[in-house]
Amino acid sequence: MIASDHIIIFFTQNARKIDMAEIANHGKAELKMIEIPAGKQSTDIHIGSYLGYLAGKSKCNIVIISNDTDFDNVIKFWKKELCISVSRKKKLQGTTVKKQNTKQVSVTTSKESQIRSLFGQKFNKSPYSTKKEAIITLFLNAKDKQSLNNELTKLIPSSNIPALYKAYKEFIKNLPSNKSNSKVDKNMREAQFKSVYEQKFKNGVYKEKQDRIINILVNSTTRQQINSELCKIIPSENVSKIIKHFKPMLKNLP
């Protein structure tokens, strides 16, 4: 399946166990999960109404995946009324799943569908909705919290990240924090900054506030943050001079 394809799954509280292996090999198609109220023929009614919505919205090719033959009359109606391309199949065409990988594929696909669904519910109209695919990929493939945070700060302002963490807390709560490695890296980074600092700023206001300035340089996650924090403790005309000397060591900050 290609990127222009869309797979939409309707489900209720009474039918949460979906065999994701059936749709695991969906290629680049967008996968969306929609929860609907439980009730008699609730799924049929919602799918039928959504079919009408699609029929009036665009001339797309529509396929209903279901064993329910009751959809056939609805399909005949829409084909006759608007001559739209709509059909019913028992399963997605061309889906193949290797048995030894079924469990892994099912978990991964289920996780992706949930992440996409959450993004659609909470962030589709947010300032960073244009970064949707990149953000989803980061949460889907994150190995530890530190690297996830580093990559997110390259995409969106750091002030917007907490909202993402809150929404996806269930997906990141078990990620390793990588604190031990971070502590070693931080100590090395601090030593490097201190060495350069003592070479360049031996006297004056810079020397007096050495520890505070180095702390800002080491712990800030963006260049904007460094600039803002430094302006609080030294004259703004001196900030650019400090940043200039440490530019090679700050090049990876967004």
Protein backbone atom coordinates (compact mmCIF):
# COMPACT_ATOMS: atom_id res chain seq x y z
CA MET A 1 0.00 0.00 0.00
CA ILE A 2 1.17 3.52 -0.78
CA ALA A 3 1.22 6.76 1.24
CA SER A 4 -2.02 8.00 -0.34
CA ASP A 5 -3.93 4.99 1.03
CA HIS A 6 -5.83 5.23 4.32
CA ILE A 7 -6.91 2.44 6.65
CA ILE A 8 -9.63 3.36 9.16
CA ILE A 9 -10.61 0.88 11.88
CA PHE A 10 -13.85 1.34 13.85
CA PHE A 11 -13.97 -0.40 17.23
CA THR A 12 -16.02 -0.38 20.46
CA GLN A 13 -15.31 -1.05 24.13
CA ASN A 14 -16.79 -4.52 23.63
CA ALA A 15 -14.44 -5.41 20.80
CA ARG A 16 -10.98 -4.11 21.62
CA LYS A 17 -9.13 -7.29 20.61
CA ILE A 18 -8.28 -6.63 16.98
CA ASP A 19 -6.05 -9.04 15.09
CA MET A 20 -3.46 -6.50 14.01
CA ALA A 21 -1.65 -9.21 12.03
CA GLU A 22 -4.35 -8.79 9.40
CA ILE A 23 -3.22 -5.24 8.67
CA ALA A 24 0.41 -5.41 9.78
CA ASN A 25 1.79 -5.24 6.26
CA HIS A 26 0.09 -1.96 5.38
CA GLY A 27 3.15 -0.36 3.79
CA LYS A 28 3.07 3.45 3.86
CA ALA A 29 -0.70 3.70 4.23
CA GLU A 30 -1.97 5.89 7.08
CA LEU A 31 -3.58 3.86 9.87
CA LYS A 32 -6.29 5.43 12.04
CA MET A 33 -8.27 3.95 14.93
CA ILE A 34 -11.72 5.35 15.77
CA GLU A 35 -13.56 4.28 18.94
CA ILE A 36 -17.35 4.38 18.66
CA PRO A 37 -20.15 3.74 21.21
CA ALA A 38 -21.03 0.11 21.80
CA GLY A 39 -24.52 -0.92 20.76
CA LYS A 40 -26.58 -3.03 18.41
CA GLN A 41 -25.22 -2.66 14.88
CA SER A 42 -23.22 0.37 16.05
CA THR A 43 -20.24 -0.49 13.86
CA ASP A 44 -22.40 -1.06 10.78
CA ILE A 45 -24.20 2.25 11.27
CA HIS A 46 -20.97 4.21 11.73
CA ILE A 47 -19.28 2.59 8.74
CA GLY A 48 -22.38 3.25 6.62
CA SER A 49 -22.49 6.91 7.64
CA TYR A 50 -18.76 7.30 7.03
CA LEU A 51 -19.21 5.76 3.59
CA GLY A 52 -21.77 8.46 2.80
CA TYR A 53 -19.38 11.13 4.07
CA LEU A 54 -16.59 9.85 1.80
CA ALA A 55 -18.94 9.51 -1.15
CA GLY A 56 -19.89 13.17 -0.91
CA LYS A 57 -16.39 14.41 -0.11
CA SER A 58 -14.24 12.95 -2.86
CA LYS A 59 -13.95 10.45 -5.69
CA CYS A 60 -11.71 8.06 -3.79
CA ASN A 61 -11.68 4.29 -4.15
CA ILE A 62 -13.46 2.84 -1.07
CA VAL A 63 -13.15 -0.73 0.19
CA ILE A 64 -15.10 -2.04 3.20
CA ILE A 65 -13.31 -4.91 4.96
CA SER A 66 -16.04 -7.06 6.45
CA ASN A 67 -17.71 -10.46 6.25
CA ASP A 68 -21.11 -8.81 6.70
CA THR A 69 -23.08 -9.11 3.44
CA ASP A 70 -25.56 -6.47 4.66
CA PHE A 71 -23.10 -3.86 3.39
CA ASP A 72 -23.66 -5.07 -0.17
CA ASN A 73 -27.04 -3.32 -0.46
CA VAL A 74 -25.54 -0.05 0.78
CA ILE A 75 -22.69 -0.45 -1.70
CA LYS A 76 -25.13 -1.03 -4.58
CA PHE A 77 -27.03 2.11 -3.57
CA TRP A 78 -24.01 4.39 -3.62
CA LYS A 79 -22.64 2.90 -6.82
CA LYS A 80 -26.00 3.53 -8.50
CA GLU A 81 -26.56 7.03 -7.08
CA LEU A 82 -23.11 8.55 -7.55
CA CYS A 83 -21.24 5.90 -9.52
CA ILE A 84 -18.54 5.87 -6.84
CA SER A 85 -15.89 3.18 -6.63
CA VAL A 86 -16.85 1.11 -3.60
CA SER A 87 -16.63 -2.60 -2.83
CA ARG A 88 -16.47 -5.09 0.05
CA LYS A 89 -13.69 -7.56 0.78
CA LYS A 90 -13.17 -10.09 3.54
CA LYS A 91 -9.57 -9.02 4.15
CA LEU A 92 -7.02 -6.46 3.03
CA GLN A 93 -5.66 -7.36 -0.36
CA GLY A 94 -2.08 -8.56 -0.44
CA THR A 95 -1.52 -8.75 3.31
CA THR A 96 1.02 -11.37 4.24
CA VAL A 97 2.49 -11.99 7.68
CA LYS A 98 5.39 -14.26 8.57
CA LYS A 99 4.33 -16.51 11.42
CA GLN A 100 7.52 -16.14 13.43
CA ASN A 101 7.14 -12.36 13.43
CA THR A 102 3.38 -12.10 13.99
CA LYS A 103 3.60 -11.18 17.68
CA GLN A 104 6.27 -8.53 17.15
CA VAL A 105 4.51 -7.01 14.14
CA SER A 106 1.18 -6.98 15.97
CA VAL A 107 2.63 -5.12 18.97
CA THR A 108 4.48 -2.59 16.82
CA THR A 109 1.51 -1.86 14.59
CA SER A 110 -0.83 -1.59 17.56
CA LYS A 111 1.54 0.88 19.23
CA GLU A 112 1.77 2.99 16.08
CA SER A 113 -2.00 3.09 15.65
CA GLN A 114 -2.45 4.23 19.25
CA ILE A 115 0.23 6.92 18.90
CA ARG A 116 -1.38 8.17 15.69
CA SER A 117 -4.83 8.13 17.24
CA LEU A 118 -3.65 10.19 20.23
CA PHE A 119 -1.96 12.71 17.96
CA GLY A 120 -5.16 13.07 15.95
CA GLN A 121 -7.18 13.66 19.10
CA LYS A 122 -4.87 16.15 20.83
CA PHE A 123 -2.44 17.74 18.39
CA ASN A 124 -3.98 17.90 14.89
CA LYS A 125 -4.68 21.61 15.33
CA SER A 126 -1.55 22.38 17.35
CA PRO A 127 1.31 24.61 16.15
CA TYR A 128 3.42 21.50 15.55
CA SER A 129 0.87 19.44 13.59
CA THR A 130 3.05 19.98 10.50
CA LYS A 131 5.72 17.89 12.25
CA LYS A 132 3.26 15.02 12.79
CA GLU A 133 5.11 12.22 10.97
CA ALA A 134 8.51 13.13 12.43
CA ILE A 135 7.11 13.30 16.00
CA ILE A 136 5.24 10.00 15.65
CA THR A 137 8.40 8.33 14.35
CA LEU A 138 10.39 9.58 17.35
CA PHE A 139 7.90 8.21 19.90
CA LEU A 140 7.60 4.95 18.00
CA ASN A 141 11.35 4.33 17.83
CA ALA A 142 12.57 5.99 21.04
CA LYS A 143 15.26 3.99 22.87
CA ASP A 144 15.75 6.26 25.91
CA LYS A 145 14.29 9.45 27.33
CA GLN A 146 17.40 11.56 26.83
CA SER A 147 17.71 10.90 23.09
CA LEU A 148 13.97 11.37 22.64
CA ASN A 149 14.14 14.76 24.33
CA ASN A 150 17.18 15.79 22.27
CA GLU A 151 15.48 14.92 19.00
CA LEU A 152 12.20 16.60 19.93
CA THR A 153 13.98 19.87 20.74
CA LYS A 154 15.25 19.89 17.15
CA LEU A 155 11.68 19.78 15.84
CA ILE A 156 9.61 21.96 18.17
CA PRO A 157 10.11 24.58 20.91
CA SER A 158 11.08 23.02 24.24
CA SER A 159 8.07 24.70 25.89
CA ASN A 160 5.73 22.50 23.81
CA ILE A 161 7.39 19.19 24.69
CA PRO A 162 5.74 18.66 28.14
CA ALA A 163 2.30 18.45 26.48
CA LEU A 164 3.55 15.62 24.27
CA TYR A 165 5.10 13.80 27.23
CA LYS A 166 1.83 14.06 29.17
CA ALA A 167 -0.19 12.63 26.28
CA TYR A 168 2.29 9.82 25.59
CA LYS A 169 3.28 9.02 29.17
CA GLU A 170 2.19 5.39 28.80
CA PHE A 171 4.57 4.94 25.86
CA ILE A 172 7.64 6.50 27.50
CA LYS A 173 7.28 5.51 31.16
CA ASN A 174 9.39 2.36 30.67
CA LEU A 175 12.09 4.02 28.58
CA PRO A 176 15.51 4.03 30.28
CA SER A 177 16.56 7.47 31.44
CA ASN A 178 20.20 6.76 30.57
CA LYS A 179 21.19 8.75 33.66
CA SER A 180 24.54 7.04 34.21
CA ASN A 181 25.78 7.80 30.72
CA SER A 182 24.32 11.29 30.87
CA LYS A 183 26.17 11.99 34.13
CA VAL A 184 29.51 10.92 32.62
CA ASP A 185 28.86 12.98 29.48
CA LYS A 186 27.84 15.97 31.58
CA ASN A 187 31.02 15.81 33.70
CA MET A 188 33.19 15.61 30.59
CA ARG A 189 31.29 18.47 28.96
CA GLU A 190 31.61 20.59 32.10
CA ALA A 191 35.37 19.99 32.21
CA GLN A 192 35.70 21.04 28.58
CA PHE A 193 33.74 24.25 29.11
CA LYS A 194 35.75 25.05 32.22
CA SER A 195 39.05 24.56 30.39
CA VAL A 196 38.06 26.91 27.57
CA TYR A 197 36.56 29.39 30.00
CA GLU A 198 39.74 29.67 32.07
CA GLN A 199 41.76 30.29 28.91
CA LYS A 200 39.51 33.01 27.51
CA PHE A 201 38.10 34.76 30.57
CA LYS A 202 40.75 35.09 33.28
CA ASN A 203 39.59 38.40 34.73
CA GLY A 204 36.61 40.75 35.18
CA VAL A 205 32.90 40.06 35.49
CA TYR A 206 33.25 36.79 33.57
CA LYS A 207 35.63 35.35 36.16
CA GLU A 208 33.43 36.32 39.08
CA LYS A 209 30.42 34.48 37.63
CA GLN A 210 32.32 31.57 36.13
CA ASP A 211 30.44 28.78 37.90
CA ARG A 212 27.00 30.17 37.07
CA ILE A 213 27.89 30.79 33.43
CA ILE A 214 29.37 27.31 32.95
CA ASN A 215 26.30 25.77 34.58
CA ILE A 216 24.07 27.55 32.05
CA LEU A 217 26.25 26.47 29.12
CA VAL A 218 26.30 22.83 30.23
CA ASN A 219 22.64 22.37 31.17
CA SER A 220 20.78 24.42 28.58
CA THR A 221 19.04 22.47 25.82
CA THR A 222 18.72 25.28 23.26
CA ARG A 223 20.74 28.31 22.18
CA GLN A 224 17.78 30.52 22.96
CA GLN A 225 17.77 29.24 26.53
CA ILE A 226 21.50 29.98 26.89
CA ASN A 227 21.01 33.51 25.62
CA SER A 228 18.02 34.16 27.91
CA GLU A 229 19.73 32.78 31.04
CA LEU A 230 23.01 34.60 30.43
CA CYS A 231 21.21 37.91 29.94
CA LYS A 232 19.87 37.54 33.49
CA ILE A 233 23.33 37.60 35.08
CA ILE A 234 25.59 39.62 32.73
CA PRO A 235 25.09 42.60 30.38
CA SER A 236 23.57 41.59 27.05
CA GLU A 237 26.52 43.06 25.11
CA ASN A 238 28.79 40.55 26.85
CA VAL A 239 26.59 37.53 26.10
CA SER A 240 27.45 37.41 22.40
CA LYS A 241 31.15 37.42 23.25
CA ILE A 242 30.78 34.34 25.47
CA ILE A 243 28.63 32.46 22.96
CA LYS A 244 31.13 33.24 20.20
CA HIS A 245 34.00 31.56 22.10
CA PHE A 246 31.91 28.46 22.81
CA LYS A 247 30.25 28.27 19.39
CA PRO A 248 32.00 25.00 18.32
CA MET A 249 30.83 23.32 21.54
CA LEU A 250 27.23 24.53 21.09
CA LYS A 251 26.83 23.70 17.39
CA ASN A 252 24.54 20.72 18.02
CA LEU A 253 22.01 22.71 20.05
CA PRO A 254 18.85 23.77 18.20
